């Protein structure tokens, strides 16, 4: 485990070096500040093979400059017993390379959910680092929790992690994406995981419907299987 964590930290350090180099390159070229807002409505909130709620509203906002981005994303279920979520992500990308840190805040029913509680035993925050590369035909991403309610293994911090392999393609007039998601070691952060596990097999089909010259409505359907927990889900979503 210690060796694996060292490798993760080394990868993040190399990412920071790339970040500094890229920023120097960007400073010599024209950069543009952009902002965007949007939202999704989904029939079920399925995240990395886990069921976090039913019909949900998921707004988002982001700002970007020279590859550096800050975004906020949230989810609130129609059912009051569903998980509520608010995430803040600071990231950087250049070409296909990306690195980010996300502060997840999960408000579970009946749990201690105060936002400004950061103590390890009372916090609803999870801090996660990400590093990845998108080759166009294939995207690889590694995620590791490094602070907050990161999950445990046999009473110790698990540094819960997730590895994703995603491939986009076009077929039948639709945009598709197939994904495999793995949990590499034991943790209670991901349900039913007792070691290396395939926890997410998903297939997503989407299409943009032109409503007007200035507005497109995205429609997608996604099927998700979790071989570890033996769960299966199908959902529909609308993006605007």
C-alpha atoms as a PDB file:
ATOM      1  CA  UNK A   1       0.000   0.000   0.000  1.00  0.00           C
ATOM      2  CA  UNK A   2       2.811   2.465   0.945  1.00  0.00           C
ATOM      3  CA  UNK A   3       4.536   1.831  -2.385  1.00  0.00           C
ATOM      4  CA  UNK A   4       1.287   2.487  -4.247  1.00  0.00           C
ATOM      5  CA  UNK A   5       0.710   5.760  -2.373  1.00  0.00           C
ATOM      6  CA  UNK A   6       4.263   6.871  -3.157  1.00  0.00           C
ATOM      7  CA  UNK A   7       3.635   6.218  -6.844  1.00  0.00           C
ATOM      8  CA  UNK A   8       0.426   8.277  -6.697  1.00  0.00           C
ATOM      9  CA  UNK A   9       2.249  11.177  -5.013  1.00  0.00           C
ATOM     10  CA  UNK A  10       5.059  10.965  -7.589  1.00  0.00           C
ATOM     11  CA  UNK A  11       2.509  11.096 -10.415  1.00  0.00           C
ATOM     12  CA  UNK A  12       0.882  14.169  -8.856  1.00  0.00           C
ATOM     13  CA  UNK A  13       4.293  15.817  -8.478  1.00  0.00           C
ATOM     14  CA  UNK A  14       5.057  15.190 -12.142  1.00  0.00           C
ATOM     15  CA  UNK A  15       1.657  16.654 -12.945  1.00  0.00           C
ATOM     16  CA  UNK A  16       2.572  19.825 -11.069  1.00  0.00           C
ATOM     17  CA  UNK A  17       5.818  20.091 -13.061  1.00  0.00           C
ATOM     18  CA  UNK A  18       3.823  19.781 -16.285  1.00  0.00           C
ATOM     19  CA  UNK A  19       1.424  22.368 -14.947  1.00  0.00           C
ATOM     20  CA  UNK A  20       4.208  24.898 -14.348  1.00  0.00           C
ATOM     21  CA  UNK A  21       5.741  24.302 -17.755  1.00  0.00           C
ATOM     22  CA  UNK A  22       2.403  24.601 -19.500  1.00  0.00           C
ATOM     23  CA  UNK A  23       1.553  27.830 -17.676  1.00  0.00           C
ATOM     24  CA  UNK A  24       4.815  29.336 -18.871  1.00  0.00           C
ATOM     25  CA  UNK A  25       3.966  28.349 -22.424  1.00  0.00           C
ATOM     26  CA  UNK A  26       0.417  29.696 -22.144  1.00  0.00           C
ATOM     27  CA  UNK A  27       1.640  33.076 -20.859  1.00  0.00           C
ATOM     28  CA  UNK A  28       3.343  33.714 -24.205  1.00  0.00           C
ATOM     29  CA  UNK A  29       0.169  33.100 -26.190  1.00  0.00           C
ATOM     30  CA  UNK A  30      -3.285  34.619 -26.232  1.00  0.00           C
ATOM     31  CA  UNK A  31      -5.587  33.199 -23.567  1.00  0.00           C
ATOM     32  CA  UNK A  32      -9.294  33.665 -23.094  1.00  0.00           C
ATOM     33  CA  UNK A  33     -11.405  33.673 -19.936  1.00  0.00           C
ATOM     34  CA  UNK A  34     -14.632  31.686 -20.316  1.00  0.00           C
ATOM     35  CA  UNK A  35     -17.573  30.874 -18.079  1.00  0.00           C
ATOM     36  CA  UNK A  36     -20.447  28.452 -18.447  1.00  0.00           C
ATOM     37  CA  UNK A  37     -23.568  27.356 -16.589  1.00  0.00           C
ATOM     38  CA  UNK A  38     -25.720  24.316 -17.122  1.00  0.00           C
ATOM     39  CA  UNK A  39     -27.637  21.528 -15.516  1.00  0.00           C
ATOM     40  CA  UNK A  40     -28.928  17.992 -15.811  1.00  0.00           C
ATOM     41  CA  UNK A  41     -32.138  16.278 -14.826  1.00  0.00           C
ATOM     42  CA  UNK A  42     -31.671  12.541 -14.292  1.00  0.00           C
ATOM     43  CA  UNK A  43     -34.103   9.759 -13.480  1.00  0.00           C
ATOM     44  CA  UNK A  44     -31.522   8.165 -11.135  1.00  0.00           C
ATOM     45  CA  UNK A  45     -28.223   9.399  -9.714  1.00  0.00           C
ATOM     46  CA  UNK A  46     -25.694   6.615 -10.300  1.00  0.00           C
ATOM     47  CA  UNK A  47     -22.051   7.404  -9.489  1.00  0.00           C
ATOM     48  CA  UNK A  48     -19.201   4.967 -10.124  1.00  0.00           C
ATOM     49  CA  UNK A  49     -21.584   2.033  -9.966  1.00  0.00           C
ATOM     50  CA  UNK A  50     -23.304   3.226  -6.785  1.00  0.00           C
ATOM     51  CA  UNK A  51     -26.929   4.287  -6.432  1.00  0.00           C
ATOM     52  CA  UNK A  52     -27.014   7.699  -4.706  1.00  0.00           C
ATOM     53  CA  UNK A  53     -30.630   8.633  -5.378  1.00  0.00           C
ATOM     54  CA  UNK A  54     -33.652   8.829  -7.610  1.00  0.00           C
ATOM     55  CA  UNK A  55     -34.826  11.733  -9.786  1.00  0.00           C
ATOM     56  CA  UNK A  56     -32.294  14.527  -9.243  1.00  0.00           C
ATOM     57  CA  UNK A  57     -31.496  18.064 -10.353  1.00  0.00           C
ATOM     58  CA  UNK A  58     -27.796  18.654 -11.002  1.00  0.00           C
ATOM     59  CA  UNK A  59     -26.745  22.271 -11.673  1.00  0.00           C
ATOM     60  CA  UNK A  60     -23.192  23.285 -12.616  1.00  0.00           C
ATOM     61  CA  UNK A  61     -21.074  26.392 -13.136  1.00  0.00           C
ATOM     62  CA  UNK A  62     -17.471  26.741 -14.291  1.00  0.00           C
ATOM     63  CA  UNK A  63     -14.774  29.288 -15.065  1.00  0.00           C
ATOM     64  CA  UNK A  64     -11.661  28.673 -17.156  1.00  0.00           C
ATOM     65  CA  UNK A  65      -8.556  30.608 -18.099  1.00  0.00           C
ATOM     66  CA  UNK A  66      -5.435  29.309 -19.870  1.00  0.00           C
ATOM     67  CA  UNK A  67      -6.305  25.705 -19.030  1.00  0.00           C
ATOM     68  CA  UNK A  68      -6.911  26.425 -15.344  1.00  0.00           C
ATOM     69  CA  UNK A  69     -10.508  25.843 -14.245  1.00  0.00           C
ATOM     70  CA  UNK A  70     -12.709  26.204 -11.185  1.00  0.00           C
ATOM     71  CA  UNK A  71     -16.098  24.532 -11.209  1.00  0.00           C
ATOM     72  CA  UNK A  72     -19.021  23.868  -8.932  1.00  0.00           C
ATOM     73  CA  UNK A  73     -21.449  20.971  -9.314  1.00  0.00           C
ATOM     74  CA  UNK A  74     -24.379  19.857  -7.211  1.00  0.00           C
ATOM     75  CA  UNK A  75     -27.106  17.270  -6.943  1.00  0.00           C
ATOM     76  CA  UNK A  76     -30.381  17.346  -5.049  1.00  0.00           C
ATOM     77  CA  UNK A  77     -32.985  14.603  -5.202  1.00  0.00           C
ATOM     78  CA  UNK A  78     -36.718  15.074  -5.487  1.00  0.00           C
ATOM     79  CA  UNK A  79     -37.060  12.614  -2.599  1.00  0.00           C
ATOM     80  CA  UNK A  80     -35.933  14.257   0.637  1.00  0.00           C
ATOM     81  CA  UNK A  81     -34.165  11.038   1.678  1.00  0.00           C
ATOM     82  CA  UNK A  82     -31.775  11.150  -1.275  1.00  0.00           C
ATOM     83  CA  UNK A  83     -28.159  12.219  -0.892  1.00  0.00           C
ATOM     84  CA  UNK A  84     -27.463  15.908  -1.453  1.00  0.00           C
ATOM     85  CA  UNK A  85     -24.109  16.875  -2.922  1.00  0.00           C
ATOM     86  CA  UNK A  86     -22.034  19.975  -3.583  1.00  0.00           C
ATOM     87  CA  UNK A  87     -18.601  19.652  -5.239  1.00  0.00           C
ATOM     88  CA  UNK A  88     -15.871  22.195  -5.945  1.00  0.00           C
ATOM     89  CA  UNK A  89     -13.099  21.267  -8.382  1.00  0.00           C
ATOM     90  CA  UNK A  90      -9.853  23.073  -9.168  1.00  0.00           C
ATOM     91  CA  UNK A  91      -8.201  21.628 -12.247  1.00  0.00           C
ATOM     92  CA  UNK A  92      -5.727  22.150 -15.028  1.00  0.00           C
ATOM     93  CA  UNK A  93      -5.613  20.630 -18.491  1.00  0.00           C
ATOM     94  CA  UNK A  94      -3.388  20.930 -21.523  1.00  0.00           C
ATOM     95  CA  UNK A  95      -3.775  18.752 -24.592  1.00  0.00           C
ATOM     96  CA  UNK A  96      -5.069  15.442 -23.309  1.00  0.00           C
ATOM     97  CA  UNK A  97      -3.434  15.756 -19.874  1.00  0.00           C
ATOM     98  CA  UNK A  98      -5.492  16.750 -16.823  1.00  0.00           C
ATOM     99  CA  UNK A  99      -4.972  17.026 -13.073  1.00  0.00           C
ATOM    100  CA  UNK A 100      -7.451  18.215 -10.449  1.00  0.00           C
ATOM    101  CA  UNK A 101      -8.453  18.352  -6.792  1.00  0.00           C
ATOM    102  CA  UNK A 102     -12.115  18.012  -5.815  1.00  0.00           C
ATOM    103  CA  UNK A 103     -13.839  18.792  -2.526  1.00  0.00           C
ATOM    104  CA  UNK A 104     -16.947  16.577  -2.408  1.00  0.00           C
ATOM    105  CA  UNK A 105     -19.595  17.388   0.183  1.00  0.00           C
ATOM    106  CA  UNK A 106     -22.108  14.581   0.633  1.00  0.00           C
ATOM    107  CA  UNK A 107     -25.114  15.265   2.879  1.00  0.00           C
ATOM    108  CA  UNK A 108     -26.498  11.856   3.816  1.00  0.00           C
ATOM    109  CA  UNK A 109     -29.874  11.570   5.605  1.00  0.00           C
ATOM    110  CA  UNK A 110     -29.370  11.183   9.358  1.00  0.00           C
ATOM    111  CA  UNK A 111     -25.640  11.969   9.235  1.00  0.00           C
ATOM    112  CA  UNK A 112     -23.585  14.925  10.523  1.00  0.00           C
ATOM    113  CA  UNK A 113     -23.816  17.203   7.495  1.00  0.00           C
ATOM    114  CA  UNK A 114     -22.682  20.678   8.591  1.00  0.00           C
ATOM    115  CA  UNK A 115     -20.670  22.116   5.705  1.00  0.00           C
ATOM    116  CA  UNK A 116     -17.944  23.811   7.749  1.00  0.00           C
ATOM    117  CA  UNK A 117     -17.092  20.749   9.826  1.00  0.00           C
ATOM    118  CA  UNK A 118     -13.714  19.492   8.617  1.00  0.00           C
ATOM    119  CA  UNK A 119     -12.632  17.298  11.517  1.00  0.00           C
ATOM    120  CA  UNK A 120     -11.811  13.808  10.328  1.00  0.00           C
ATOM    121  CA  UNK A 121     -14.447  12.065  12.463  1.00  0.00           C
ATOM    122  CA  UNK A 122     -17.286  14.573  11.888  1.00  0.00           C
ATOM    123  CA  UNK A 123     -16.810  15.832   8.338  1.00  0.00           C
ATOM    124  CA  UNK A 124     -19.059  15.174   5.350  1.00  0.00           C
ATOM    125  CA  UNK A 125     -16.275  16.326   2.990  1.00  0.00           C
ATOM    126  CA  UNK A 126     -14.113  14.046   0.864  1.00  0.00           C
ATOM    127  CA  UNK A 127     -10.990  15.451  -0.821  1.00  0.00           C
ATOM    128  CA  UNK A 128      -9.884  13.653  -3.968  1.00  0.00           C
ATOM    129  CA  UNK A 129      -6.964  14.047  -6.364  1.00  0.00           C
ATOM    130  CA  UNK A 130      -7.219  13.113 -10.051  1.00  0.00           C
ATOM    131  CA  UNK A 131      -4.705  12.633 -12.821  1.00  0.00           C
ATOM    132  CA  UNK A 132      -5.499  11.463 -16.322  1.00  0.00           C
ATOM    133  CA  UNK A 133      -4.889  11.548 -20.029  1.00  0.00           C
ATOM    134  CA  UNK A 134      -7.392  11.624 -22.880  1.00  0.00           C
ATOM    135  CA  UNK A 135      -6.032  10.123 -26.103  1.00  0.00           C
ATOM    136  CA  UNK A 136      -9.235  10.953 -27.971  1.00  0.00           C
ATOM    137  CA  UNK A 137     -10.178   7.348 -28.668  1.00  0.00           C
ATOM    138  CA  UNK A 138      -9.508   6.363 -25.025  1.00  0.00           C
ATOM    139  CA  UNK A 139      -9.442   8.268 -21.715  1.00  0.00           C
ATOM    140  CA  UNK A 140      -7.624   7.010 -18.600  1.00  0.00           C
ATOM    141  CA  UNK A 141      -8.206   8.570 -15.170  1.00  0.00           C
ATOM    142  CA  UNK A 142      -6.987   7.726 -11.670  1.00  0.00           C
ATOM    143  CA  UNK A 143      -8.729   9.147  -8.563  1.00  0.00           C
ATOM    144  CA  UNK A 144      -7.579   8.890  -4.924  1.00  0.00           C
ATOM    145  CA  UNK A 145      -9.152  10.251  -1.732  1.00  0.00           C
ATOM    146  CA  UNK A 146      -6.469  11.905   0.387  1.00  0.00           C
ATOM    147  CA  UNK A 147      -8.356  13.678   3.209  1.00  0.00           C
ATOM    148  CA  UNK A 148     -11.736  13.969   4.899  1.00  0.00           C
ATOM    149  CA  UNK A 149     -14.100  10.975   5.003  1.00  0.00           C
ATOM    150  CA  UNK A 150     -11.824   9.070   2.651  1.00  0.00           C
ATOM    151  CA  UNK A 151     -12.958   5.580   3.611  1.00  0.00           C
ATOM    152  CA  UNK A 152     -11.281   2.981   5.764  1.00  0.00           C
ATOM    153  CA  UNK A 153      -9.807  -0.497   5.546  1.00  0.00           C
ATOM    154  CA  UNK A 154      -9.587  -2.643   8.684  1.00  0.00           C
ATOM    155  CA  UNK A 155      -9.845   0.469  10.849  1.00  0.00           C
ATOM    156  CA  UNK A 156      -7.182   2.426   8.941  1.00  0.00           C
ATOM    157  CA  UNK A 157      -7.372   5.111   6.241  1.00  0.00           C
ATOM    158  CA  UNK A 158      -7.866   3.374   2.920  1.00  0.00           C
ATOM    159  CA  UNK A 159      -6.961   6.233   0.545  1.00  0.00           C
ATOM    160  CA  UNK A 160      -9.909   4.941  -1.460  1.00  0.00           C
ATOM    161  CA  UNK A 161      -9.196   4.981  -5.182  1.00  0.00           C
ATOM    162  CA  UNK A 162     -10.921   4.479  -8.495  1.00  0.00           C
ATOM    163  CA  UNK A 163      -9.516   3.883 -11.975  1.00  0.00           C
ATOM    164  CA  UNK A 164     -11.563   4.567 -15.106  1.00  0.00           C
ATOM    165  CA  UNK A 165     -11.120   3.508 -18.736  1.00  0.00           C
ATOM    166  CA  UNK A 166     -13.566   5.232 -21.094  1.00  0.00           C
ATOM    167  CA  UNK A 167     -13.928   5.021 -24.873  1.00  0.00           C
ATOM    168  CA  UNK A 168     -16.186   7.292 -26.967  1.00  0.00           C
ATOM    169  CA  UNK A 169     -17.511   6.271 -30.374  1.00  0.00           C
ATOM    170  CA  UNK A 170     -20.280   7.040 -32.844  1.00  0.00           C
ATOM    171  CA  UNK A 171     -22.878   4.548 -34.003  1.00  0.00           C
ATOM    172  CA  UNK A 172     -26.345   4.792 -35.512  1.00  0.00           C
ATOM    173  CA  UNK A 173     -26.396   8.587 -35.420  1.00  0.00           C
ATOM    174  CA  UNK A 174     -25.720   8.700 -31.668  1.00  0.00           C
ATOM    175  CA  UNK A 175     -22.691   9.561 -29.552  1.00  0.00           C
ATOM    176  CA  UNK A 176     -21.709   6.643 -27.322  1.00  0.00           C
ATOM    177  CA  UNK A 177     -19.325   6.125 -24.421  1.00  0.00           C
ATOM    178  CA  UNK A 178     -18.332   2.808 -22.860  1.00  0.00           C
ATOM    179  CA  UNK A 179     -16.623   2.802 -19.456  1.00  0.00           C
ATOM    180  CA  UNK A 180     -14.995   0.311 -17.113  1.00  0.00           C
ATOM    181  CA  UNK A 181     -14.349   1.415 -13.526  1.00  0.00           C
ATOM    182  CA  UNK A 182     -12.150  -0.425 -11.012  1.00  0.00           C
ATOM    183  CA  UNK A 183     -11.614  -0.094  -7.263  1.00  0.00           C
ATOM    184  CA  UNK A 184      -8.001  -1.278  -6.771  1.00  0.00           C
ATOM    185  CA  UNK A 185      -8.050  -2.228  -3.076  1.00  0.00           C
ATOM    186  CA  UNK A 186     -10.302  -2.842  -0.082  1.00  0.00           C
ATOM    187  CA  UNK A 187     -12.302   0.113   1.227  1.00  0.00           C
ATOM    188  CA  UNK A 188     -15.701   0.816   2.732  1.00  0.00           C
ATOM    189  CA  UNK A 189     -16.038   3.977   0.618  1.00  0.00           C
ATOM    190  CA  UNK A 190     -17.317   1.895  -2.304  1.00  0.00           C
ATOM    191  CA  UNK A 191     -20.068  -0.580  -1.390  1.00  0.00           C
ATOM    192  CA  UNK A 192     -19.244  -4.291  -1.180  1.00  0.00           C
ATOM    193  CA  UNK A 193     -15.563  -3.807  -2.134  1.00  0.00           C
ATOM    194  CA  UNK A 194     -13.223  -6.250  -0.370  1.00  0.00           C
ATOM    195  CA  UNK A 195     -10.227  -6.007  -2.709  1.00  0.00           C
ATOM    196  CA  UNK A 196      -9.509  -5.337  -6.363  1.00  0.00           C
ATOM    197  CA  UNK A 197     -12.948  -5.054  -7.984  1.00  0.00           C
ATOM    198  CA  UNK A 198     -14.674  -4.197 -11.234  1.00  0.00           C
ATOM    199  CA  UNK A 199     -17.410  -1.923  -9.862  1.00  0.00           C
ATOM    200  CA  UNK A 200     -18.697  -0.052 -12.890  1.00  0.00           C
ATOM    201  CA  UNK A 201     -19.545  -1.225 -16.401  1.00  0.00           C
ATOM    202  CA  UNK A 202     -21.519   1.432 -18.240  1.00  0.00           C
ATOM    203  CA  UNK A 203     -22.727   2.262 -21.725  1.00  0.00           C
ATOM    204  CA  UNK A 204     -24.089   5.713 -22.505  1.00  0.00           C
ATOM    205  CA  UNK A 205     -25.841   6.921 -25.662  1.00  0.00           C
ATOM    206  CA  UNK A 206     -26.555  10.619 -26.198  1.00  0.00           C
ATOM    207  CA  UNK A 207     -27.887  13.009 -28.803  1.00  0.00           C
ATOM    208  CA  UNK A 208     -28.248  16.795 -29.024  1.00  0.00           C
ATOM    209  CA  UNK A 209     -31.703  17.999 -30.010  1.00  0.00           C
ATOM    210  CA  UNK A 210     -31.728  21.432 -31.642  1.00  0.00           C
ATOM    211  CA  UNK A 211     -34.447  23.532 -30.010  1.00  0.00           C
ATOM    212  CA  UNK A 212     -33.446  26.885 -31.499  1.00  0.00           C
ATOM    213  CA  UNK A 213     -30.438  28.604 -33.070  1.00  0.00           C
ATOM    214  CA  UNK A 214     -29.119  29.364 -29.592  1.00  0.00           C
ATOM    215  CA  UNK A 215     -30.185  26.318 -27.593  1.00  0.00           C
ATOM    216  CA  UNK A 216     -29.626  22.570 -27.833  1.00  0.00           C
ATOM    217  CA  UNK A 217     -31.111  20.042 -25.436  1.00  0.00           C
ATOM    218  CA  UNK A 218     -28.943  17.034 -24.721  1.00  0.00           C
ATOM    219  CA  UNK A 219     -30.727  13.721 -24.185  1.00  0.00           C
ATOM    220  CA  UNK A 220     -28.975  10.573 -23.021  1.00  0.00           C
ATOM    221  CA  UNK A 221     -29.666   7.074 -21.757  1.00  0.00           C
ATOM    222  CA  UNK A 222     -27.181   5.115 -19.689  1.00  0.00           C
ATOM    223  CA  UNK A 223     -27.063   1.520 -18.524  1.00  0.00           C
ATOM    224  CA  UNK A 224     -24.831   0.675 -15.567  1.00  0.00           C
ATOM    225  CA  UNK A 225     -23.840  -2.663 -14.070  1.00  0.00           C
ATOM    226  CA  UNK A 226     -21.862  -3.160 -10.862  1.00  0.00           C
ATOM    227  CA  UNK A 227     -20.508  -6.736 -10.897  1.00  0.00           C
ATOM    228  CA  UNK A 228     -19.223  -6.372  -7.326  1.00  0.00           C
ATOM    229  CA  UNK A 229     -22.517  -5.403  -5.698  1.00  0.00           C
ATOM    230  CA  UNK A 230     -24.573  -7.186  -8.400  1.00  0.00           C
ATOM    231  CA  UNK A 231     -26.483  -3.980  -9.077  1.00  0.00           C
ATOM    232  CA  UNK A 232     -27.934  -2.968 -12.467  1.00  0.00           C
ATOM    233  CA  UNK A 233     -29.431   0.378 -13.438  1.00  0.00           C
ATOM    234  CA  UNK A 234     -30.808   2.229 -16.440  1.00  0.00           C
ATOM    235  CA  UNK A 235     -31.431   5.966 -16.454  1.00  0.00           C
ATOM    236  CA  UNK A 236     -32.385   8.822 -18.733  1.00  0.00           C
ATOM    237  CA  UNK A 237     -31.012  12.342 -18.483  1.00  0.00           C
ATOM    238  CA  UNK A 238     -31.505  15.758 -20.024  1.00  0.00           C
ATOM    239  CA  UNK A 239     -28.681  18.323 -20.283  1.00  0.00           C
ATOM    240  CA  UNK A 240     -29.238  22.029 -20.844  1.00  0.00           C
END
